[in-house]
Protein backbone atom coordinates (compact mmCIF):
# COMPACT_ATOMS: atom_id res chain seq x y z
CA MET A 1 -0.02 0.29 0.18
CA ASP A 2 1.39 3.47 -1.13
CA VAL A 3 1.96 5.84 1.95
CA VAL A 4 1.71 9.74 1.78
CA GLU A 5 2.97 11.81 4.55
CA THR A 6 1.42 15.65 4.92
CA GLU A 7 1.22 17.94 7.81
CA VAL A 8 -2.42 18.54 7.22
CA LEU A 9 -5.05 16.51 5.16
CA VAL A 10 -7.74 18.45 3.95
CA VAL A 11 -10.64 16.23 2.86
CA GLY A 12 -12.83 18.22 0.26
CA ALA A 13 -11.95 20.54 -2.51
CA GLY A 14 -14.78 22.77 -2.85
CA PRO A 15 -14.49 26.21 -2.06
CA VAL A 16 -13.97 26.17 1.78
CA GLY A 17 -11.67 22.76 1.48
CA VAL A 18 -9.48 24.82 -1.15
CA THR A 19 -9.50 28.25 0.51
CA LEU A 20 -8.03 26.19 3.69
CA GLY A 21 -5.29 24.76 1.44
CA LEU A 22 -4.02 28.21 0.41
CA LEU A 23 -4.41 29.86 3.60
CA LEU A 24 -2.19 26.71 5.01
CA ALA A 25 0.29 26.81 2.13
CA ASP A 26 1.04 30.55 2.36
CA LEU A 27 2.00 30.16 5.86
CA GLY A 28 4.25 27.15 5.28
CA VAL A 29 2.36 24.17 6.28
CA SER A 30 2.49 21.33 3.76
CA THR A 31 -1.03 20.39 3.11
CA MET A 32 -2.57 17.91 0.62
CA VAL A 33 -6.58 18.78 -0.38
CA ILE A 34 -8.60 15.61 -2.00
CA ASP A 35 -11.84 15.06 -3.12
CA LYS A 36 -13.70 12.19 -4.21
CA ARG A 37 -15.23 14.02 -7.35
CA THR A 38 -12.78 14.12 -10.04
CA THR A 39 -14.16 17.48 -11.87
CA VAL A 40 -16.08 20.28 -10.38
CA SER A 41 -19.76 20.34 -9.97
CA VAL A 42 -21.40 21.34 -13.46
CA LEU A 43 -24.29 22.38 -10.84
CA PRO A 44 -23.96 26.05 -10.35
CA ARG A 45 -25.29 25.07 -6.86
CA ALA A 46 -24.58 28.54 -4.27
CA ARG A 47 -24.14 31.64 -6.87
CA GLY A 48 -21.55 34.01 -5.32
CA LEU A 49 -20.00 35.25 -1.69
CA ASN A 50 -20.36 38.13 0.24
CA ALA A 51 -17.50 40.75 1.06
CA ARG A 52 -16.26 38.85 3.91
CA GLY A 53 -15.71 35.89 1.78
CA ALA A 54 -13.86 38.11 -1.12
CA GLU A 55 -11.78 39.46 1.85
CA ILE A 56 -10.22 36.12 2.38
CA LEU A 57 -9.36 35.67 -1.37
CA ARG A 58 -7.52 39.04 -1.33
CA MET A 59 -5.70 37.25 1.51
CA VAL A 60 -4.35 34.62 -0.85
CA GLY A 61 -4.05 36.62 -3.63
CA VAL A 62 -7.44 35.21 -5.26
CA GLU A 63 -9.58 38.00 -5.53
CA ALA A 64 -8.49 39.55 -8.69
CA ASP A 65 -9.16 36.16 -10.44
CA VAL A 66 -12.11 35.29 -9.23
CA ILE A 67 -13.07 39.22 -10.24
CA ARG A 68 -12.17 38.78 -13.98
CA ARG A 69 -14.15 35.43 -13.90
CA ALA A 70 -17.52 36.99 -12.08
CA LEU A 71 -20.86 37.17 -13.41
CA PRO A 72 -21.89 40.95 -14.16
CA VAL A 73 -24.86 42.06 -12.08
CA ARG A 74 -26.31 45.16 -10.54
CA PRO A 75 -25.54 45.13 -6.77
CA GLU A 76 -29.28 45.16 -5.75
CA LEU A 77 -32.40 42.84 -4.76
CA GLN A 78 -35.65 43.26 -6.72
CA VAL A 79 -39.02 42.01 -5.19
CA ARG A 80 -41.40 41.71 -7.98
CA GLN A 81 -44.46 39.42 -8.49
CA ASP A 82 -43.16 38.35 -12.15
CA LEU A 83 -41.32 39.83 -15.00
CA ALA A 84 -44.42 41.62 -16.60
CA HIS A 85 -44.80 43.95 -13.17
CA GLU A 86 -42.44 46.46 -12.08
CA PRO A 87 -40.19 45.81 -8.72
CA THR A 88 -42.06 46.59 -5.52
CA ILE A 89 -39.03 46.76 -3.53
CA VAL A 90 -35.49 47.35 -4.63
CA GLN A 91 -32.55 47.08 -2.32
CA ALA A 92 -29.09 47.79 -2.62
CA THR A 93 -26.67 44.78 -2.21
CA GLY A 94 -23.53 46.81 -2.63
CA GLY A 95 -22.25 50.28 -3.68
CA ASP A 96 -20.99 53.36 -2.22
CA THR A 97 -21.94 52.84 1.27
CA PHE A 98 -21.04 49.02 1.28
CA THR A 99 -17.43 50.50 0.10
CA GLU A 100 -17.23 52.60 3.42
CA VAL A 101 -17.09 48.93 5.64
CA SER A 102 -14.68 46.90 3.16
CA PRO A 103 -12.45 47.36 0.30
CA CYS A 104 -13.86 44.46 -1.28
CA GLU A 105 -17.68 43.84 -2.83
CA GLY A 106 -19.57 40.72 -2.78
CA ILE A 107 -19.03 38.53 -6.18
CA ALA A 108 -21.47 37.46 -8.42
CA ILE A 109 -19.87 33.96 -9.54
CA SER A 110 -21.20 30.44 -9.89
CA GLN A 111 -19.76 27.84 -7.32
CA ASP A 112 -18.52 25.71 -10.47
CA VAL A 113 -16.54 28.60 -11.55
CA LEU A 114 -15.44 30.00 -8.27
CA GLU A 115 -14.16 26.21 -7.65
CA SER A 116 -11.90 26.35 -11.06
CA VAL A 117 -10.49 29.31 -10.08
CA LEU A 118 -9.63 28.37 -6.47
CA ARG A 119 -8.05 24.71 -7.60
CA GLU A 120 -6.23 26.56 -10.41
CA HIS A 121 -4.43 28.63 -7.69
CA LEU A 122 -4.02 25.78 -5.14
CA GLN A 123 -1.77 23.97 -7.90
CA ARG A 124 0.41 26.64 -8.18
CA ARG A 125 1.32 26.31 -4.41
CA ASP A 126 4.73 24.75 -3.81
CA ARG A 127 3.35 23.40 -0.33
CA ALA A 128 -0.03 22.05 -1.21
CA GLU A 129 -1.16 19.10 -3.14
CA LEU A 130 -4.47 18.60 -4.88
CA ARG A 131 -5.93 14.87 -5.54
CA THR A 132 -9.06 14.64 -6.98
CA GLY A 133 -10.90 11.28 -7.51
CA TRP A 134 -9.68 10.11 -3.60
CA ARG A 135 -12.12 9.24 -1.11
CA LEU A 136 -11.94 8.81 2.45
CA THR A 137 -12.94 5.50 3.44
CA ARG A 138 -11.08 4.97 7.04
CA LEU A 139 -9.86 7.25 9.34
CA SER A 140 -7.74 6.06 12.52
CA ASP A 141 -5.99 7.33 15.09
CA ALA A 142 -7.21 11.05 14.75
CA GLU A 143 -8.02 10.98 19.27
CA ARG A 144 -4.49 10.20 19.75
CA GLY A 145 -3.01 13.44 19.37
CA GLY A 146 -0.19 11.92 17.38
CA THR A 147 -0.21 11.01 13.61
CA CYS A 148 -3.58 10.51 12.00
CA ARG A 149 -3.83 7.89 9.72
CA SER A 150 -6.42 7.93 6.54
CA PHE A 151 -7.26 5.61 4.02
CA VAL A 152 -8.38 6.56 0.68
CA SER A 153 -9.65 4.97 -2.35
CA ASP A 154 -8.06 6.43 -5.58
CA ALA A 155 -10.14 6.76 -8.74
CA GLN A 156 -8.70 3.21 -10.10
CA GLY A 157 -9.71 1.72 -6.86
CA ALA A 158 -6.59 1.34 -4.74
CA THR A 159 -6.07 2.04 -1.62
CA ARG A 160 -3.43 4.46 -0.62
CA GLU A 161 -2.45 5.62 3.45
CA ILE A 162 -1.65 9.57 4.01
CA ARG A 163 -0.56 10.04 7.02
CA SER A 164 -1.15 13.38 8.61
CA ARG A 165 -0.53 15.39 12.25
CA PHE A 166 -4.04 17.13 11.35
CA VAL A 167 -7.31 16.06 9.44
CA VAL A 168 -10.17 18.47 8.64
CA GLY A 169 -13.18 17.76 6.92
CA ALA A 170 -14.70 20.12 4.62
CA ASP A 171 -16.63 17.56 2.47
CA GLY A 172 -20.01 18.85 2.73
CA TRP A 173 -23.08 18.01 5.02
CA ARG A 174 -22.77 14.37 4.09
CA SER A 175 -19.09 14.52 5.43
CA ASP A 176 -17.43 11.19 5.98
CA VAL A 177 -15.03 12.91 8.05
CA ARG A 178 -17.30 13.74 10.47
CA SER A 179 -18.97 10.31 10.11
CA GLN A 180 -15.65 8.62 11.02
CA LEU A 181 -15.12 10.96 13.90
CA GLY A 182 -18.80 10.16 15.49
CA ILE A 183 -19.43 13.61 15.74
CA ALA A 184 -23.24 13.70 15.99
CA THR A 185 -25.24 16.88 14.57
CA THR A 186 -28.58 18.71 15.73
CA GLY A 187 -30.95 21.45 13.96
CA ASP A 188 -33.99 20.95 11.94
CA ASP A 189 -33.25 19.22 8.51
CA ASP A 190 -36.64 19.63 6.81
CA LEU A 191 -37.60 23.24 6.02
CA GLY A 192 -39.43 22.46 2.96
CA ARG A 193 -38.79 20.60 -0.18
CA MET A 194 -37.35 22.58 -2.81
CA ARG A 195 -37.17 22.79 -6.72
CA SER A 196 -34.14 24.57 -8.83
CA VAL A 197 -34.66 24.75 -12.28
CA ARG A 198 -31.54 25.91 -14.19
CA PHE A 199 -32.51 27.39 -17.71
CA ALA A 200 -31.38 29.79 -20.62
CA ALA A 201 -33.36 32.47 -22.20
CA ARG A 202 -32.70 36.01 -23.08
CA LEU A 203 -34.80 38.19 -20.15
CA SER A 204 -32.56 41.50 -20.69
CA ALA A 205 -35.63 43.37 -22.21
CA TRP A 206 -37.22 42.77 -18.74
CA LEU A 207 -34.48 42.77 -16.16
CA GLY A 208 -31.71 44.91 -17.94
CA ASP A 209 -28.35 44.23 -19.02
CA PRO A 210 -26.52 43.44 -16.23
CA PRO A 211 -29.50 42.00 -14.41
CA PRO A 212 -30.01 42.67 -10.72
CA ALA A 213 -27.94 40.33 -8.37
CA PHE A 214 -31.58 38.44 -6.80
CA ILE A 215 -34.83 38.82 -8.19
CA ARG A 216 -37.58 37.36 -5.81
CA LEU A 217 -40.96 36.48 -7.35
CA SER A 218 -43.46 37.03 -5.04
CA GLY A 219 -46.18 35.77 -7.33
CA ILE A 220 -44.47 31.91 -6.98
CA ASP A 221 -42.52 32.40 -3.70
CA GLY A 222 -39.42 31.79 -5.66
CA PHE A 223 -35.92 33.29 -6.42
CA LEU A 224 -34.50 33.72 -9.99
CA VAL A 225 -30.70 34.44 -10.12
CA ALA A 226 -28.35 34.64 -13.03
CA THR A 227 -25.49 32.13 -12.97
CA HIS A 228 -23.58 31.91 -16.12
CA PRO A 229 -22.69 34.28 -19.24
CA GLY A 230 -25.22 33.22 -22.24
CA ASP A 231 -28.37 33.95 -20.41
CA ARG A 232 -28.28 31.30 -18.19
CA TRP A 233 -30.65 31.41 -14.65
CA VAL A 234 -31.81 29.18 -11.94
CA LEU A 235 -35.24 29.33 -10.75
CA ILE A 236 -35.72 28.26 -7.09
CA VAL A 237 -39.16 27.41 -6.02
CA PRO A 238 -40.85 25.19 -2.78
CA GLU A 239 -41.93 21.96 -4.69
CA ARG A 240 -45.30 21.91 -3.53
CA ASP A 241 -49.08 20.91 -5.15
CA GLY A 242 -49.96 23.14 -7.67
CA LEU A 243 -46.59 23.99 -9.57
CA ASP A 244 -46.72 22.15 -12.56
CA ALA A 245 -44.22 19.26 -12.65
CA GLU A 246 -43.20 20.17 -16.47
CA PRO A 247 -39.80 22.48 -15.86
CA GLY A 248 -40.54 24.54 -18.87
CA ARG A 249 -44.14 25.45 -18.11
CA LEU A 250 -43.29 26.15 -14.39
CA VAL A 251 -40.26 28.51 -15.77
CA GLY A 252 -42.74 30.02 -18.15
CA ALA A 253 -45.41 30.60 -15.61
CA ALA A 254 -43.31 32.04 -12.77
CA LEU A 255 -41.47 34.43 -15.39
CA GLY A 256 -44.92 35.93 -16.43
CA VAL A 257 -43.78 37.00 -19.78
CA ASP A 258 -43.48 35.35 -23.61
CA VAL A 259 -40.24 34.23 -23.90
CA THR A 260 -38.57 31.31 -25.29
CA VAL A 261 -37.18 29.05 -22.35
CA GLU A 262 -34.66 26.13 -22.80
CA VAL A 263 -34.55 23.89 -19.81
CA LEU A 264 -30.83 22.86 -18.83
CA ASP A 265 -31.67 20.68 -15.31
CA ASP A 266 -34.11 20.16 -12.69
CA THR A 267 -33.03 19.54 -9.33
CA ARG A 268 -34.87 18.57 -6.14
CA TRP A 269 -33.80 19.23 -2.74
CA VAL A 270 -34.72 19.59 0.56
CA ALA A 271 -33.65 22.61 2.95
CA ALA A 272 -32.57 22.61 6.24
CA VAL A 273 -30.21 24.26 9.51
CA ARG A 274 -28.07 21.72 10.70
CA GLN A 275 -24.73 21.95 12.88
CA ALA A 276 -22.46 19.44 14.24
CA VAL A 277 -22.42 19.43 18.15
CA ARG A 278 -18.82 20.27 18.08
CA PHE A 279 -15.98 21.36 15.26
CA THR A 280 -13.51 19.29 16.72
CA GLN A 281 -12.39 16.13 17.96
CA GLY A 282 -9.06 15.20 18.86
CA ASN A 283 -6.85 15.89 15.58
CA GLY A 284 -9.64 15.96 13.49
CA MET A 285 -11.72 19.03 12.66
CA LEU A 286 -14.47 19.99 10.62
CA ALA A 287 -15.37 23.14 8.43
CA GLY A 288 -17.63 24.88 6.13
CA ASP A 289 -20.71 22.59 5.24
CA ALA A 290 -19.26 19.29 7.02
CA ALA A 291 -19.65 21.73 10.28
CA HIS A 292 -22.80 23.89 9.83
CA ARG A 293 -25.46 23.62 7.13
CA VAL A 294 -27.77 26.86 6.06
CA THR A 295 -30.47 27.36 3.48
CA PRO A 296 -29.77 29.74 0.81
CA ALA A 297 -31.39 32.75 2.38
CA GLY A 298 -29.06 35.84 3.13
CA ALA A 299 -26.29 33.83 0.76
CA THR A 300 -24.15 33.13 4.29
CA GLY A 301 -23.14 29.80 3.14
CA ILE A 302 -19.70 29.73 1.17
CA THR A 303 -18.65 33.09 3.49
CA SER A 304 -19.08 31.22 6.84
CA GLY A 305 -17.00 28.30 5.76
CA MET A 306 -14.45 30.47 4.33
CA ALA A 307 -14.24 32.46 7.90
CA ASP A 308 -14.01 28.80 9.49
CA ALA A 309 -10.89 28.34 7.15
CA ALA A 310 -9.10 31.71 7.86
CA ASN A 311 -9.79 31.15 11.85
CA LEU A 312 -8.46 27.51 11.71
CA ALA A 313 -5.13 28.02 9.05
CA TRP A 314 -3.01 29.86 11.46
CA LYS A 315 -4.02 28.04 14.09
CA LEU A 316 -2.91 25.09 12.63
CA ALA A 317 0.32 26.52 11.50
CA GLY A 318 1.35 28.08 14.99
CA THR A 319 0.88 24.45 16.45
CA LEU A 320 2.75 22.62 14.13
CA GLN A 321 5.60 25.27 14.13
CA GLY A 322 5.60 25.75 17.40
CA TRP A 323 5.15 29.09 18.19
CA GLY A 324 1.10 28.16 19.10
CA GLY A 325 0.82 27.29 22.79
CA PRO A 326 -1.79 24.53 24.42
CA HIS A 327 -4.80 26.83 24.32
CA LEU A 328 -4.51 27.71 20.41
CA LEU A 329 -6.07 25.20 18.79
CA GLY A 330 -9.11 24.38 20.86
CA SER A 331 -10.14 28.24 20.19
CA TYR A 332 -11.29 27.20 17.11
CA GLY A 333 -14.19 25.68 18.15
CA GLN A 334 -14.52 28.06 21.17
CA GLU A 335 -14.72 30.87 18.59
CA ARG A 336 -16.37 29.68 15.28
CA GLU A 337 -19.51 27.36 17.14
CA PRO A 338 -21.10 30.01 18.76
CA VAL A 339 -21.05 32.25 15.39
CA ALA A 340 -22.18 29.45 13.33
CA THR A 341 -24.88 28.63 15.80
CA TRP A 342 -25.85 32.30 16.02
CA ILE A 343 -25.93 32.73 12.15
CA GLY A 344 -27.95 29.51 11.36
CA GLY A 345 -30.41 31.11 13.55
CA ALA A 346 -30.64 34.41 11.64
CA ASN A 347 -30.56 32.36 8.68
CA LEU A 348 -33.60 30.25 10.04
CA ARG A 349 -35.27 32.96 10.62
CA LEU A 350 -34.67 34.78 6.92
CA TRP A 351 -35.78 31.35 5.24
CA THR A 352 -38.80 31.04 7.51
CA ASP A 353 -39.89 34.61 6.89
CA SER A 354 -39.43 33.99 3.19
CA GLN A 355 -41.30 31.24 2.61
CA GLN A 356 -44.12 32.98 4.29
CA GLY A 357 -44.09 35.81 2.04
CA ARG A 358 -42.35 38.24 4.77
CA GLN A 359 -39.05 40.76 4.25
CA THR A 360 -36.70 40.19 7.23
CA PRO A 361 -35.49 43.40 8.87
CA VAL A 362 -31.78 41.77 8.95
CA GLU A 363 -28.96 43.85 8.23
CA LEU A 364 -26.63 40.97 6.52
CA ARG A 365 -23.72 43.05 7.38
CA TRP A 366 -23.93 41.86 10.76
CA LEU A 367 -23.91 37.97 9.70
CA GLU A 368 -20.59 39.24 7.87
CA PHE A 369 -18.68 41.34 9.63
CA GLY A 370 -20.28 41.96 12.80
CA TYR A 371 -19.78 38.84 15.47
CA ARG A 372 -17.14 39.45 18.25
CA TYR A 373 -15.27 35.95 18.83
CA ARG A 374 -14.94 34.84 22.34
CA SER A 375 -12.46 32.47 23.81
CA ALA A 376 -9.46 32.23 25.70
CA ILE A 377 -6.46 33.74 23.31
CA ILE A 378 -8.83 36.70 23.45
CA ALA A 379 -8.55 39.79 25.61
CA PRO A 380 -12.08 39.85 27.19
CA ALA A 381 -14.51 42.25 25.84
CA ALA A 382 -18.10 43.62 26.75
CA GLY A 383 -20.87 42.63 24.50
CA GLY A 384 -21.66 39.64 22.36
CA LEU A 385 -23.36 37.97 19.89
CA ASP A 386 -26.63 38.43 21.80
CA ASP A 387 -26.53 42.23 22.15
CA ILE A 388 -26.29 42.71 18.40
CA ASP A 389 -29.62 43.79 16.96
CA LEU A 390 -29.90 42.44 13.46
CA ALA A 391 -32.68 45.25 12.37
CA SER A 392 -30.04 48.30 12.99
CA SER A 393 -27.75 49.48 10.61
CA PHE A 394 -24.21 47.98 10.66
CA THR A 395 -21.26 49.85 12.66
CA PRO A 396 -17.64 48.44 12.33
CA ARG A 397 -16.60 47.95 15.95
CA ALA A 398 -12.86 47.76 17.34
CA GLU A 399 -12.88 45.95 20.43
CA PRO A 400 -10.96 42.43 21.02
CA GLY A 401 -12.50 39.57 19.20
CA ASP A 402 -13.81 42.16 16.39
CA ARG A 403 -13.07 41.94 12.73
CA ALA A 404 -10.70 45.11 12.54
CA PRO A 405 -12.62 47.93 10.78
CA HIS A 406 -11.44 48.79 6.97
CA VAL A 407 -9.83 51.99 6.57
CA ARG A 408 -7.22 53.27 4.19
CA LEU A 409 -3.45 53.77 5.84
CA SER A 410 -1.30 56.61 4.43
CA ASP A 411 0.18 53.80 1.85
CA GLY A 412 -2.79 53.45 0.38
CA ARG A 413 -3.60 49.86 1.85
CA SER A 414 -6.53 49.03 3.61
CA THR A 415 -5.99 47.67 7.31
CA ILE A 416 -7.78 44.57 5.54
CA ASP A 417 -4.70 43.98 3.80
CA LEU A 418 -2.66 43.59 7.16
CA ALA A 419 -4.10 40.09 7.87
CA GLY A 420 -3.31 36.91 6.11
CA ARG A 421 0.56 35.57 7.18
CA GLN A 422 1.15 37.75 10.56
CA PHE A 423 -0.07 39.24 13.53
CA THR A 424 0.31 42.93 13.25
CA LEU A 425 0.63 45.90 16.11
CA LEU A 426 -1.26 48.54 14.82
CA THR A 427 -0.85 51.80 16.62
CA ALA A 428 -2.03 55.51 15.53
CA ASP A 429 1.03 57.43 16.76
CA ASP A 430 4.31 58.20 15.20
CA GLU A 431 6.35 56.03 18.03
CA VAL A 432 7.02 53.20 15.89
CA ALA A 433 10.55 52.53 16.94
CA ALA A 434 9.19 52.36 20.67
CA TRP A 435 6.52 49.79 19.46
CA SER A 436 8.91 47.94 17.20
CA ARG A 437 11.34 47.33 20.04
CA ALA A 438 8.89 46.20 22.31
CA ALA A 439 7.82 43.63 19.50
CA ASP A 440 11.08 42.46 18.69
CA LEU A 441 12.02 41.89 22.50
CA ALA A 442 8.29 39.97 23.09
CA GLY A 443 8.86 38.06 19.59
CA ALA A 444 12.14 36.52 21.32
CA THR A 445 10.03 34.63 23.98
CA VAL A 446 7.07 34.17 21.83
CA ALA A 447 8.25 33.24 18.15
CA ALA A 448 4.98 34.38 16.14
CA PRO A 449 5.04 35.87 13.08
CA LEU A 450 4.57 39.91 14.32
CA ALA A 451 4.91 43.12 12.30
CA VAL A 452 4.43 46.64 13.57
CA VAL A 453 2.97 49.31 11.61
CA SER A 454 2.04 52.44 13.21
CA ASP A 455 -0.17 55.25 11.25
CA PRO A 456 -0.50 58.54 12.71
CA HIS A 457 -3.28 59.56 9.95
CA PRO A 458 -6.33 60.69 12.01
CA GLN A 459 -8.79 58.53 10.33
CA VAL A 460 -6.91 55.46 11.93
CA GLY A 461 -7.00 56.51 15.46
CA ALA A 462 -10.73 56.97 14.80
CA ALA A 463 -11.86 53.89 13.13
CA PHE A 464 -9.83 51.74 16.08
CA HIS A 465 -10.82 54.43 18.78
CA LEU A 466 -6.92 54.48 19.41
CA GLU A 467 -5.35 57.47 21.63
CA PRO A 468 -1.80 58.43 21.24
CA GLY A 469 0.24 55.73 22.58
CA GLN A 470 -2.33 52.99 22.33
CA ALA A 471 -2.01 50.07 19.99
CA VAL A 472 -4.11 46.94 19.02
CA LEU A 473 -3.18 43.85 17.89
CA ILE A 474 -4.63 42.03 14.80
CA ARG A 475 -4.27 38.39 14.30
CA PRO A 476 -3.49 36.45 11.11
CA ASP A 477 -7.16 36.07 10.22
CA GLY A 478 -8.08 39.81 10.43
CA HIS A 479 -9.92 39.71 14.16
CA LEU A 480 -8.76 41.52 16.76
CA ALA A 481 -6.91 39.92 19.74
CA TRP A 482 -6.34 42.95 21.98
CA ARG A 483 -5.83 46.17 22.54
CA SER A 484 -3.96 48.21 25.09
CA GLY A 485 -5.13 50.29 27.93
CA VAL A 486 -4.21 53.52 28.71
CA PRO A 487 -0.97 55.24 26.93
CA SER A 488 2.04 54.02 28.79
CA PRO A 489 5.89 54.94 28.99
CA ALA A 490 8.04 53.15 26.47
CA HIS A 491 9.68 51.20 29.02
CA ASP A 492 6.19 49.65 30.09
CA ARG A 493 5.71 48.41 26.56
CA ILE A 494 7.43 45.04 26.41
CA PRO A 495 5.87 43.06 29.22
CA ILE A 496 2.62 44.25 27.75
CA VAL A 497 3.03 43.29 24.19
CA ARG A 498 4.87 39.98 25.21
CA THR A 499 1.67 39.34 27.36
CA ALA A 500 -0.77 40.24 24.87
CA ILE A 501 1.14 38.26 21.90
CA ALA A 502 1.54 34.90 24.48
CA ARG A 503 -2.62 35.26 25.39
CA ALA A 504 -3.16 35.57 21.29
CA THR A 505 -0.95 32.53 20.65
CA GLY A 506 -2.58 30.48 23.27
CA TRP A 507 0.11 30.46 25.92
């Protein structure tokens, strides 16, 4: 039997698994990503990701290529009875007010196209391997804290053994990894039987060119979404009595206009909101749909899985490279499990209201950017998930656990660009030498990758609520780990920074 060795095995080469592979490779971790499929799915499945997902793609240098392959759409949601009637509601999903929150915007790209772009980049990474047609059949020794032994069947039916320090299941809701780890799930597994009809039709006369990002057809309680160039669309409707079983007639009735329709595919599926009871078991972890499943409402699925990857990658790297302490890896579940539960609850509300024809007053940017992590490696901050009013306007926050706010630095970069491969100590004063010396001496004790950025531009201090002499510590995933207290003399900064970075790395 062939034996292959790698530091991390990622099972599942969808958007979450490949994003995790890219993040790990950029952090210097040898990674193998396997998938039972030999090609990407021809079905569009999800169509796009929101701005936080684009930020994570930006971390691994993929955002620009994804945008080049994106489908042109107008950043808006329309609600209308059918295409013969004018919209009753037009709601922005992007634009100028959104660029104040992030340097990135949501990207309209079908999942099959997104997977192709991500895989192309993964295959160019020196520390990463992609193996397709390989299916996990057995996982051993994941509980022991040493070497995991994963047995896979390749495309020719031969059995191979992969030895790794960690195994991550990013292999969808029917996860083989989750099954092998014996992790149960909980939640609602039948929120309605649905039907997705993919078709081609020229609809620009009614929707314009480019079309809106999302169209809710209230006359049939369905959604119409463009998926690919060439006038390709998907109609998503509840499967119930009274809806024509013939897909062409169903689409024609939903559109309400005289247009030629070419049916490409007719799929039935069941909506659900479910979650694994835990995201880690020994040296095995879950991410994306393997850990939490949501409905299409709010388009949170892919981005939430990418946020899992961003949270987990640097913690695996720190543990493998020795600069991560004994509390680091356990913080993955501490941080992501409550957030997944919170997003799942909001998603359930969005879906239920949508199925009953109601508009839910939820500001989706809270679900993208607004959650605050709590764990053993984050300095305490007041307020948590239960304190967020999802109907209120989104306002970026800058306390430990929050995603670091977006603001332009003096050199033109966004503070979002500080995340990725290292911790960043950010201060809004001009005493960079004092902070750099403190960081160097702290790094001699805790050898985590750490940079110092000092930018006295007033907008930086305002965004992070920093006074002269104060600083914040930004983690590689872009969340804040710590903020200093009242301004301190220079000689006090060394133990302050040492304590901050030690906590943030799990010591």
